C-alpha atoms as a PDB file:
ATOM      1  CA  MET A   1     161.332  99.835  91.170  1.00  0.00           C
ATOM      2  CA  LYS A   2     161.573  97.433  88.260  1.00  0.00           C
ATOM      3  CA  VAL A   3     158.341  95.412  88.420  1.00  0.00           C
ATOM      4  CA  VAL A   4     157.292  92.498  86.227  1.00  0.00           C
ATOM      5  CA  ILE A   5     153.670  91.370  85.931  1.00  0.00           C
ATOM      6  CA  VAL A   6     153.404  87.721  84.897  1.00  0.00           C
ATOM      7  CA  GLY A   7     149.846  87.451  83.630  1.00  0.00           C
ATOM      8  CA  ALA A   8     148.470  90.503  81.832  1.00  0.00           C
ATOM      9  CA  GLY A   9     144.775  89.742  82.147  1.00  0.00           C
ATOM     10  CA  GLY A  10     142.310  92.093  83.808  1.00  0.00           C
ATOM     11  CA  LEU A  11     143.799  92.055  87.298  1.00  0.00           C
ATOM     12  CA  GLY A  12     147.462  91.862  86.265  1.00  0.00           C
ATOM     13  CA  SER A  13     147.107  94.696  83.767  1.00  0.00           C
ATOM     14  CA  TYR A  14     145.342  96.851  86.351  1.00  0.00           C
ATOM     15  CA  VAL A  15     148.034  96.242  88.983  1.00  0.00           C
ATOM     16  CA  GLY A  16     150.702  97.054  86.417  1.00  0.00           C
ATOM     17  CA  ALA A  17     148.889 100.234  85.376  1.00  0.00           C
ATOM     18  CA  VAL A  18     148.584 101.452  88.974  1.00  0.00           C
ATOM     19  CA  LEU A  19     152.284 100.799  89.624  1.00  0.00           C
ATOM     20  CA  ALA A  20     153.257 102.574  86.397  1.00  0.00           C
ATOM     21  CA  GLN A  21     151.059 105.513  87.380  1.00  0.00           C
ATOM     22  CA  GLY A  22     152.975 105.530  90.676  1.00  0.00           C
ATOM     23  CA  GLY A  23     156.257 105.993  88.820  1.00  0.00           C
ATOM     24  CA  HIS A  24     157.648 102.469  88.683  1.00  0.00           C
ATOM     25  CA  GLU A  25     159.203 100.776  85.649  1.00  0.00           C
ATOM     26  CA  VAL A  26     156.595  98.138  84.794  1.00  0.00           C
ATOM     27  CA  THR A  27     156.917  95.277  82.326  1.00  0.00           C
ATOM     28  CA  LEU A  28     153.917  93.134  81.421  1.00  0.00           C
ATOM     29  CA  VAL A  29     154.247  89.610  80.096  1.00  0.00           C
ATOM     30  CA  ALA A  30     151.677  89.967  77.323  1.00  0.00           C
ATOM     31  CA  ARG A  31     150.997  88.595  73.882  1.00  0.00           C
ATOM     32  CA  GLY A  32     148.734  88.995  70.880  1.00  0.00           C
ATOM     33  CA  GLU A  33     146.341  91.873  70.359  1.00  0.00           C
ATOM     34  CA  HIS A  34     146.604  93.028  73.972  1.00  0.00           C
ATOM     35  CA  ARG A  35     150.356  93.521  73.655  1.00  0.00           C
ATOM     36  CA  SER A  36     150.046  95.186  70.247  1.00  0.00           C
ATOM     37  CA  ALA A  37     147.451  97.653  71.539  1.00  0.00           C
ATOM     38  CA  ILE A  38     149.538  98.534  74.614  1.00  0.00           C
ATOM     39  CA  GLU A  39     152.674  99.058  72.555  1.00  0.00           C
ATOM     40  CA  GLU A  40     150.785 101.298  70.126  1.00  0.00           C
ATOM     41  CA  ASP A  41     148.531 103.336  72.422  1.00  0.00           C
ATOM     42  CA  GLY A  42     149.488 102.534  76.024  1.00  0.00           C
ATOM     43  CA  LEU A  43     147.425 100.705  78.650  1.00  0.00           C
ATOM     44  CA  GLU A  44     144.013 102.235  79.369  1.00  0.00           C
ATOM     45  CA  VAL A  45     142.181 101.828  82.679  1.00  0.00           C
ATOM     46  CA  ARG A  46     138.496 102.594  83.074  1.00  0.00           C
ATOM     47  CA  SER A  47     137.124 102.970  86.572  1.00  0.00           C
ATOM     48  CA  HIS A  48     134.474 104.865  88.496  1.00  0.00           C
ATOM     49  CA  ALA A  49     137.421 106.423  90.375  1.00  0.00           C
ATOM     50  CA  GLY A  50     138.647 107.989  87.119  1.00  0.00           C
ATOM     51  CA  ASP A  51     140.020 106.781  83.798  1.00  0.00           C
ATOM     52  CA  PHE A  52     143.729 106.959  82.981  1.00  0.00           C
ATOM     53  CA  ARG A  53     146.295 105.731  80.480  1.00  0.00           C
ATOM     54  CA  VAL A  54     149.922 104.729  81.139  1.00  0.00           C
ATOM     55  CA  GLU A  55     152.951 103.565  79.202  1.00  0.00           C
ATOM     56  CA  VAL A  56     154.297 100.142  80.207  1.00  0.00           C
ATOM     57  CA  GLY A  57     156.804  97.768  78.674  1.00  0.00           C
ATOM     58  CA  CYS A  58     155.789  94.414  77.208  1.00  0.00           C
ATOM     59  CA  VAL A  59     157.648  91.148  76.666  1.00  0.00           C
ATOM     60  CA  GLY A  60     156.413  87.822  75.361  1.00  0.00           C
ATOM     61  CA  SER A  61     158.166  85.963  78.188  1.00  0.00           C
ATOM     62  CA  ALA A  62     159.761  86.958  81.473  1.00  0.00           C
ATOM     63  CA  LEU A  63     162.853  85.106  80.265  1.00  0.00           C
ATOM     64  CA  GLU A  64     163.554  88.297  78.285  1.00  0.00           C
ATOM     65  CA  VAL A  65     163.855  90.347  81.505  1.00  0.00           C
ATOM     66  CA  SER A  66     167.413  90.963  82.703  1.00  0.00           C
ATOM     67  CA  GLU A  67     166.695  92.614  86.067  1.00  0.00           C
ATOM     68  CA  ALA A  68     163.713  92.913  88.429  1.00  0.00           C
ATOM     69  CA  ASP A  69     162.973  93.995  91.996  1.00  0.00           C
ATOM     70  CA  LEU A  70     159.436  92.643  92.259  1.00  0.00           C
ATOM     71  CA  ALA A  71     157.309  90.242  90.261  1.00  0.00           C
ATOM     72  CA  PHE A  72     153.593  89.623  90.621  1.00  0.00           C
ATOM     73  CA  LEU A  73     152.122  86.290  89.548  1.00  0.00           C
ATOM     74  CA  VAL A  74     148.639  87.068  88.247  1.00  0.00           C
ATOM     75  CA  THR A  75     147.968  84.295  85.739  1.00  0.00           C
ATOM     76  CA  LYS A  76     145.068  81.905  85.934  1.00  0.00           C
ATOM     77  CA  THR A  77     145.746  79.182  88.486  1.00  0.00           C
ATOM     78  CA  PHE A  78     145.964  76.495  85.803  1.00  0.00           C
ATOM     79  CA  SER A  79     148.832  78.396  84.094  1.00  0.00           C
ATOM     80  CA  LEU A  80     151.258  78.371  87.037  1.00  0.00           C
ATOM     81  CA  ASP A  81     153.179  75.309  85.844  1.00  0.00           C
ATOM     82  CA  GLU A  82     153.554  76.859  82.377  1.00  0.00           C
ATOM     83  CA  VAL A  83     155.224  80.009  83.743  1.00  0.00           C
ATOM     84  CA  ALA A  84     157.326  78.362  86.473  1.00  0.00           C
ATOM     85  CA  GLU A  85     160.515  78.638  84.413  1.00  0.00           C
ATOM     86  CA  GLN A  86     159.892  82.364  83.941  1.00  0.00           C
ATOM     87  CA  LEU A  87     159.356  82.846  87.679  1.00  0.00           C
ATOM     88  CA  SER A  88     162.569  80.968  88.463  1.00  0.00           C
ATOM     89  CA  HIS A  89     164.403  83.216  85.998  1.00  0.00           C
ATOM     90  CA  LEU A  90     163.021  86.341  87.686  1.00  0.00           C
ATOM     91  CA  ALA A  91     164.066  85.029  91.105  1.00  0.00           C
ATOM     92  CA  ASP A  92     167.584  84.490  89.758  1.00  0.00           C
ATOM     93  CA  ARG A  93     167.554  88.122  88.528  1.00  0.00           C
ATOM     94  CA  GLY A  94     166.836  89.466  92.011  1.00  0.00           C
ATOM     95  CA  ALA A  95     163.036  89.561  92.136  1.00  0.00           C
ATOM     96  CA  HIS A  96     160.839  88.777  95.082  1.00  0.00           C
ATOM     97  CA  ILE A  97     157.723  87.083  93.761  1.00  0.00           C
ATOM     98  CA  VAL A  98     154.234  87.768  95.102  1.00  0.00           C
ATOM     99  CA  SER A  99     151.447  85.370  94.172  1.00  0.00           C
ATOM    100  CA  LEU A 100     148.021  86.928  93.700  1.00  0.00           C
ATOM    101  CA  LEU A 101     146.462  83.704  92.445  1.00  0.00           C
ATOM    102  CA  ASN A 102     143.143  82.349  93.570  1.00  0.00           C
ATOM    103  CA  GLY A 103     143.327  79.107  95.530  1.00  0.00           C
ATOM    104  CA  VAL A 104     145.457  78.047  98.474  1.00  0.00           C
ATOM    105  CA  THR A 105     148.470  76.218  96.984  1.00  0.00           C
ATOM    106  CA  ALA A 106     150.429  78.693  94.819  1.00  0.00           C
ATOM    107  CA  VAL A 107     153.554  79.095  96.971  1.00  0.00           C
ATOM    108  CA  ASP A 108     153.825  75.347  97.561  1.00  0.00           C
ATOM    109  CA  ARG A 109     153.527  74.747  93.825  1.00  0.00           C
ATOM    110  CA  MET A 110     156.213  77.321  93.024  1.00  0.00           C
ATOM    111  CA  ALA A 111     158.525  75.846  95.665  1.00  0.00           C
ATOM    112  CA  ALA A 112     157.978  72.419  94.105  1.00  0.00           C
ATOM    113  CA  HIS A 113     159.438  73.892  90.906  1.00  0.00           C
ATOM    114  CA  GLY A 114     162.622  74.770  92.800  1.00  0.00           C
ATOM    115  CA  ILE A 115     161.975  78.467  93.420  1.00  0.00           C
ATOM    116  CA  PRO A 116     163.409  79.364  96.864  1.00  0.00           C
ATOM    117  CA  ARG A 117     160.729  79.991  99.459  1.00  0.00           C
ATOM    118  CA  GLU A 118     162.646  82.993 100.792  1.00  0.00           C
ATOM    119  CA  VAL A 119     161.785  84.949  97.631  1.00  0.00           C
ATOM    120  CA  LEU A 120     158.109  83.937  97.626  1.00  0.00           C
ATOM    121  CA  ALA A 121     155.098  85.579  99.257  1.00  0.00           C
ATOM    122  CA  ASP A 122     151.432  84.696  99.236  1.00  0.00           C
ATOM    123  CA  GLY A 123     149.061  87.564  98.637  1.00  0.00           C
ATOM    124  CA  VAL A 124     145.324  88.014  98.393  1.00  0.00           C
ATOM    125  CA  ALA A 125     143.890  90.589  96.018  1.00  0.00           C
ATOM    126  CA  TYR A 126     140.539  92.103  96.901  1.00  0.00           C
ATOM    127  CA  MET A 127     139.711  93.842  93.652  1.00  0.00           C
ATOM    128  CA  THR A 128     137.970  92.984  90.410  1.00  0.00           C
ATOM    129  CA  SER A 129     139.179  94.079  87.006  1.00  0.00           C
ATOM    130  CA  PHE A 130     138.378  92.691  83.568  1.00  0.00           C
ATOM    131  CA  ARG A 131     140.156  93.098  80.248  1.00  0.00           C
ATOM    132  CA  ILE A 132     137.332  94.402  78.071  1.00  0.00           C
ATOM    133  CA  ALA A 133     139.287  95.078  74.857  1.00  0.00           C
ATOM    134  CA  PRO A 134     142.905  94.849  73.684  1.00  0.00           C
ATOM    135  CA  GLY A 135     144.838  97.372  75.730  1.00  0.00           C
ATOM    136  CA  VAL A 136     141.832  98.270  77.902  1.00  0.00           C
ATOM    137  CA  VAL A 137     140.890  97.071  81.397  1.00  0.00           C
ATOM    138  CA  GLU A 138     137.946  98.063  83.563  1.00  0.00           C
ATOM    139  CA  ARG A 139     137.950  97.939  87.360  1.00  0.00           C
ATOM    140  CA  LYS A 140     134.670  96.857  88.913  1.00  0.00           C
ATOM    141  CA  ALA A 141     133.414  97.691  92.427  1.00  0.00           C
ATOM    142  CA  ALA A 142     135.086 100.027  94.898  1.00  0.00           C
ATOM    143  CA  HIS A 143     137.311  97.632  96.846  1.00  0.00           C
ATOM    144  CA  GLN A 144     141.015  97.450  95.958  1.00  0.00           C
ATOM    145  CA  ARG A 145     143.499  96.184  98.498  1.00  0.00           C
ATOM    146  CA  PHE A 146     146.130  93.489  98.963  1.00  0.00           C
ATOM    147  CA  VAL A 147     146.663  91.352 102.037  1.00  0.00           C
ATOM    148  CA  LEU A 148     150.132  89.815 102.377  1.00  0.00           C
ATOM    149  CA  GLY A 149     151.532  87.213 104.723  1.00  0.00           C
ATOM    150  CA  ALA A 150     154.432  87.994 107.028  1.00  0.00           C
ATOM    151  CA  GLY A 151     157.446  85.897 106.075  1.00  0.00           C
ATOM    152  CA  ALA A 152     160.841  85.951 104.416  1.00  0.00           C
ATOM    153  CA  VAL A 153     159.938  88.513 101.741  1.00  0.00           C
ATOM    154  CA  PRO A 154     160.657  92.113 102.855  1.00  0.00           C
ATOM    155  CA  LEU A 155     157.115  93.451 102.958  1.00  0.00           C
ATOM    156  CA  ASP A 156     158.358  97.043 103.199  1.00  0.00           C
ATOM    157  CA  ARG A 157     159.490  96.711  99.580  1.00  0.00           C
ATOM    158  CA  ILE A 158     155.966  95.797  98.518  1.00  0.00           C
ATOM    159  CA  ARG A 159     154.349  98.510 100.643  1.00  0.00           C
ATOM    160  CA  ASP A 160     156.776 101.041  99.190  1.00  0.00           C
ATOM    161  CA  ALA A 161     155.805  99.994  95.670  1.00  0.00           C
ATOM    162  CA  PHE A 162     152.168 100.884  96.298  1.00  0.00           C
ATOM    163  CA  ALA A 163     152.747 103.960  98.472  1.00  0.00           C
ATOM    164  CA  GLY A 164     150.687 106.841  97.136  1.00  0.00           C
ATOM    165  CA  THR A 165     148.670 104.622  94.765  1.00  0.00           C
ATOM    166  CA  LEU A 166     144.991 103.680  94.853  1.00  0.00           C
ATOM    167  CA  ILE A 167     145.766 100.158  96.152  1.00  0.00           C
ATOM    168  CA  GLY A 168     146.066  99.610  99.897  1.00  0.00           C
ATOM    169  CA  VAL A 169     148.410  96.968 101.354  1.00  0.00           C
ATOM    170  CA  GLU A 170     147.827  95.116 104.630  1.00  0.00           C
ATOM    171  CA  THR A 171     149.796  92.325 106.321  1.00  0.00           C
ATOM    172  CA  VAL A 172     148.702  89.419 108.512  1.00  0.00           C
ATOM    173  CA  ASP A 173     150.612  86.846 110.553  1.00  0.00           C
ATOM    174  CA  ASP A 174     148.863  83.786 109.070  1.00  0.00           C
ATOM    175  CA  ILE A 175     148.100  84.278 105.394  1.00  0.00           C
ATOM    176  CA  ARG A 176     146.434  80.857 105.246  1.00  0.00           C
ATOM    177  CA  VAL A 177     143.379  82.235 107.021  1.00  0.00           C
ATOM    178  CA  GLU A 178     143.152  85.075 104.496  1.00  0.00           C
ATOM    179  CA  LEU A 179     143.637  82.659 101.569  1.00  0.00           C
ATOM    180  CA  TRP A 180     140.752  80.523 102.773  1.00  0.00           C
ATOM    181  CA  GLN A 181     138.558  83.563 103.382  1.00  0.00           C
ATOM    182  CA  LYS A 182     139.224  84.705  99.812  1.00  0.00           C
ATOM    183  CA  MET A 183     138.636  81.144  98.619  1.00  0.00           C
ATOM    184  CA  SER A 184     135.240  81.199 100.316  1.00  0.00           C
ATOM    185  CA  VAL A 185     134.334  84.471  98.575  1.00  0.00           C
ATOM    186  CA  VAL A 186     135.482  83.421  95.095  1.00  0.00           C
ATOM    187  CA  CYS A 187     134.154  79.864  95.271  1.00  0.00           C
ATOM    188  CA  SER A 188     130.799  80.895  96.717  1.00  0.00           C
ATOM    189  CA  LEU A 189     130.322  83.594  94.077  1.00  0.00           C
ATOM    190  CA  SER A 190     131.283  81.154  91.320  1.00  0.00           C
ATOM    191  CA  VAL A 191     129.002  78.403  92.548  1.00  0.00           C
ATOM    192  CA  LEU A 192     126.018  80.652  93.250  1.00  0.00           C
ATOM    193  CA  CYS A 193     126.242  82.446  89.900  1.00  0.00           C
ATOM    194  CA  ALA A 194     126.653  79.126  88.098  1.00  0.00           C
ATOM    195  CA  ILE A 195     123.564  77.698  89.752  1.00  0.00           C
ATOM    196  CA  GLY A 196     121.671  80.956  89.205  1.00  0.00           C
ATOM    197  CA  GLU A 197     121.555  82.945  85.984  1.00  0.00           C
ATOM    198  CA  ARG A 198     125.209  84.056  86.139  1.00  0.00           C
ATOM    199  CA  THR A 199     124.738  87.174  88.315  1.00  0.00           C
ATOM    200  CA  MET A 200     124.367  87.632  92.069  1.00  0.00           C
ATOM    201  CA  GLY A 201     121.071  89.417  91.542  1.00  0.00           C
ATOM    202  CA  SER A 202     119.532  86.265  90.064  1.00  0.00           C
ATOM    203  CA  VAL A 203     120.438  84.395  93.254  1.00  0.00           C
ATOM    204  CA  ARG A 204     119.195  87.088  95.636  1.00  0.00           C
ATOM    205  CA  GLN A 205     115.833  87.316  93.926  1.00  0.00           C
ATOM    206  CA  HIS A 206     115.089  83.654  94.604  1.00  0.00           C
ATOM    207  CA  PRO A 207     113.586  82.689  97.989  1.00  0.00           C
ATOM    208  CA  PHE A 208     116.278  80.022  98.465  1.00  0.00           C
ATOM    209  CA  GLY A 209     119.129  82.388  97.589  1.00  0.00           C
ATOM    210  CA  ALA A 210     120.099  83.636 101.052  1.00  0.00           C
ATOM    211  CA  GLU A 211     120.154  80.122 102.489  1.00  0.00           C
ATOM    212  CA  LEU A 212     122.206  78.753  99.600  1.00  0.00           C
ATOM    213  CA  GLN A 213     124.706  81.588 100.001  1.00  0.00           C
ATOM    214  CA  LYS A 214     125.290  80.642 103.632  1.00  0.00           C
ATOM    215  CA  LEU A 215     125.608  76.954 102.710  1.00  0.00           C
ATOM    216  CA  ALA A 216     128.169  77.672  99.985  1.00  0.00           C
ATOM    217  CA  ILE A 217     130.297  79.682 102.421  1.00  0.00           C
ATOM    218  CA  THR A 218     130.041  76.988 105.096  1.00  0.00           C
ATOM    219  CA  GLU A 219     131.201  74.285 102.681  1.00  0.00           C
ATOM    220  CA  VAL A 220     134.431  76.135 101.902  1.00  0.00           C
ATOM    221  CA  LEU A 221     135.267  77.193 105.447  1.00  0.00           C
ATOM    222  CA  ASP A 222     134.483  73.767 106.902  1.00  0.00           C
ATOM    223  CA  VAL A 223     136.913  72.221 104.417  1.00  0.00           C
ATOM    224  CA  GLY A 224     139.557  74.795 105.377  1.00  0.00           C
ATOM    225  CA  ARG A 225     139.072  74.041 109.072  1.00  0.00           C
ATOM    226  CA  ALA A 226     139.320  70.323 108.365  1.00  0.00           C
ATOM    227  CA  ALA A 227     142.636  71.063 106.595  1.00  0.00           C
ATOM    228  CA  GLY A 228     143.985  72.464 109.880  1.00  0.00           C
ATOM    229  CA  VAL A 229     143.626  76.197 109.244  1.00  0.00           C
ATOM    230  CA  HIS A 230     142.407  78.108 112.310  1.00  0.00           C
ATOM    231  CA  ILE A 231     139.541  80.017 110.712  1.00  0.00           C
ATOM    232  CA  PRO A 232     137.620  81.985 113.383  1.00  0.00           C
ATOM    233  CA  PRO A 233     133.972  80.970 113.871  1.00  0.00           C
ATOM    234  CA  GLU A 234     132.733  84.492 113.096  1.00  0.00           C
ATOM    235  CA  THR A 235     134.239  84.273 109.601  1.00  0.00           C
ATOM    236  CA  ASP A 236     131.098  82.645 108.151  1.00  0.00           C
ATOM    237  CA  ALA A 237     128.969  85.693 108.992  1.00  0.00           C
ATOM    238  CA  LYS A 238     131.739  88.067 107.836  1.00  0.00           C
ATOM    239  CA  ILE A 239     131.886  86.426 104.387  1.00  0.00           C
ATOM    240  CA  ASP A 240     128.088  86.358 104.168  1.00  0.00           C
ATOM    241  CA  ALA A 241     128.020  90.122 104.748  1.00  0.00           C
ATOM    242  CA  THR A 242     130.787  90.590 102.172  1.00  0.00           C
ATOM    243  CA  LEU A 243     128.797  88.752  99.504  1.00  0.00           C
ATOM    244  CA  ASP A 244     125.736  90.853 100.335  1.00  0.00           C
ATOM    245  CA  ARG A 245     127.678  93.970  99.349  1.00  0.00           C
ATOM    246  CA  PHE A 246     128.317  92.847  95.768  1.00  0.00           C
ATOM    247  CA  PRO A 247     125.943  94.592  93.342  1.00  0.00           C
ATOM    248  CA  ASP A 248     123.145  92.637  91.681  1.00  0.00           C
ATOM    249  CA  ASP A 249     124.831  92.751  88.277  1.00  0.00           C
ATOM    250  CA  PHE A 250     128.132  91.392  89.617  1.00  0.00           C
ATOM    251  CA  PHE A 251     129.580  88.113  88.389  1.00  0.00           C
ATOM    252  CA  PRO A 252     133.003  86.585  89.222  1.00  0.00           C
ATOM    253  CA  SER A 253     135.886  85.883  86.852  1.00  0.00           C
ATOM    254  CA  VAL A 254     134.787  82.265  86.409  1.00  0.00           C
ATOM    255  CA  ILE A 255     131.509  83.452  84.904  1.00  0.00           C
ATOM    256  CA  HIS A 256     133.284  86.181  82.913  1.00  0.00           C
ATOM    257  CA  ASP A 257     135.563  83.565  81.345  1.00  0.00           C
ATOM    258  CA  LEU A 258     132.612  81.258  80.737  1.00  0.00           C
ATOM    259  CA  ASN A 259     130.698  84.065  79.013  1.00  0.00           C
ATOM    260  CA  GLN A 260     133.763  84.762  76.844  1.00  0.00           C
ATOM    261  CA  GLY A 261     134.180  81.114  75.863  1.00  0.00           C
ATOM    262  CA  ARG A 262     137.514  80.809  77.692  1.00  0.00           C
ATOM    263  CA  ARG A 263     138.758  78.122  80.049  1.00  0.00           C
ATOM    264  CA  THR A 264     137.739  78.839  83.643  1.00  0.00           C
ATOM    265  CA  GLU A 265     139.544  78.318  86.947  1.00  0.00           C
ATOM    266  CA  MET A 266     136.776  76.094  88.281  1.00  0.00           C
ATOM    267  CA  GLY A 267     139.153  73.147  88.489  1.00  0.00           C
ATOM    268  CA  ASP A 268     141.200  75.017  91.121  1.00  0.00           C
ATOM    269  CA  LEU A 269     138.162  76.503  92.865  1.00  0.00           C
ATOM    270  CA  GLY A 270     134.885  74.587  93.135  1.00  0.00           C
ATOM    271  CA  GLU A 271     136.424  71.294  92.070  1.00  0.00           C
ATOM    272  CA  GLU A 272     139.275  71.728  94.560  1.00  0.00           C
ATOM    273  CA  ILE A 273     136.775  72.250  97.384  1.00  0.00           C
ATOM    274  CA  SER A 274     134.860  69.164  96.288  1.00  0.00           C
ATOM    275  CA  ARG A 275     138.061  67.116  96.098  1.00  0.00           C
ATOM    276  CA  LEU A 276     139.312  68.227  99.509  1.00  0.00           C
ATOM    277  CA  GLY A 277     135.846  67.783 100.979  1.00  0.00           C
ATOM    278  CA  ARG A 278     135.888  64.157  99.944  1.00  0.00           C
ATOM    279  CA  ALA A 279     139.391  63.734 101.389  1.00  0.00           C
ATOM    280  CA  TYR A 280     138.337  65.173 104.765  1.00  0.00           C
ATOM    281  CA  GLY A 281     134.824  63.741 104.868  1.00  0.00           C
ATOM    282  CA  ILE A 282     133.088  67.146 104.456  1.00  0.00           C
ATOM    283  CA  PRO A 283     129.963  67.164 102.218  1.00  0.00           C
ATOM    284  CA  THR A 284     130.136  69.773  99.435  1.00  0.00           C
ATOM    285  CA  PRO A 285     126.941  69.331  97.369  1.00  0.00           C
ATOM    286  CA  LEU A 286     126.730  72.965  96.198  1.00  0.00           C
ATOM    287  CA  HIS A 287     130.317  72.954  94.978  1.00  0.00           C
ATOM    288  CA  ASP A 288     129.749  69.614  93.301  1.00  0.00           C
ATOM    289  CA  ALA A 289     126.751  71.064  91.456  1.00  0.00           C
ATOM    290  CA  GLY A 290     128.393  74.381  90.576  1.00  0.00           C
ATOM    291  CA  THR A 291     131.519  72.670  89.286  1.00  0.00           C
ATOM    292  CA  LEU A 292     129.462  70.299  87.165  1.00  0.00           C
ATOM    293  CA  ILE A 293     127.449  73.162  85.622  1.00  0.00           C
ATOM    294  CA  VAL A 294     130.508  75.291  84.783  1.00  0.00           C
ATOM    295  CA  GLN A 295     132.679  72.501  83.447  1.00  0.00           C
ATOM    296  CA  LEU A 296     129.929  71.047  81.290  1.00  0.00           C
ATOM    297  CA  ALA A 297     129.188  74.530  79.952  1.00  0.00           C
ATOM    298  CA  GLU A 298     132.833  75.031  78.980  1.00  0.00           C
ATOM    299  CA  GLY A 299     132.990  71.592  77.385  1.00  0.00           C
ATOM    300  CA  ARG A 300     135.136  69.965  80.059  1.00  0.00           C
ATOM    301  CA  SER A 301     134.648  67.251  82.617  1.00  0.00           C
ATOM    302  CA  PRO A 302     136.075  67.284  86.132  1.00  0.00           C
ATOM    303  CA  ALA A 303     139.584  65.766  86.234  1.00  0.00           C
END
């Protein structure tokens, strides 16, 4: 298949590398030193499952692509509006577009830009990969799977793309539940690490850590339930157990970006939970605090 990755950061580059390793024709939308390194030496993946290097194509904009079967949106959430024209172009060239963004509004935002809903699919990526040098990404932790929502997009096409690769693909009837579960994982990790010393181990070592973890999860899921999503009551304990499995030295992408001096996604994560909490009358004190800490540290104020 001809696959375009819009957003060649850690996750997007890793997804593109896996698809290229699986034999597909992959094009990354990449710029700067990362693009130069890939064009010169290929894209390198480092992982406890084994290192590998692949050849992929690069363009500065998806507007340069003349034909595509699949496109994956893997930018930061705050960049969606900037790449909307590129996504519309890819849809016009025959691509089905799968969003792997954090948050719960990506498909609605793309549709608002005029991209037909029948070519759009929401997806949730359960994997962590960071770009550690130009042309080099490193996958963290063992988990690596996608969950996709049943809908207009032919999911067999997506499953076929990943057949025989390291990434598993699952489907669910109501992707909104999965989006909110992922939101609870990402937001809770971001808030807890922001309040702590930027790793999960720093939170666990404190006597209040376990209780704060449960409270952070509850804030997110209560907001989701107030928004009308039918999140099962056992989800709180499921997410709590999921967070317990992250290693002590783990930190989420928000903290990675903060450590690197880059803009974070906190405005679409913790701040979004705080904003929706106020709209629905749900208290979100931990997300208020975590958002404040991150955005002050990156030199921004909440919008």
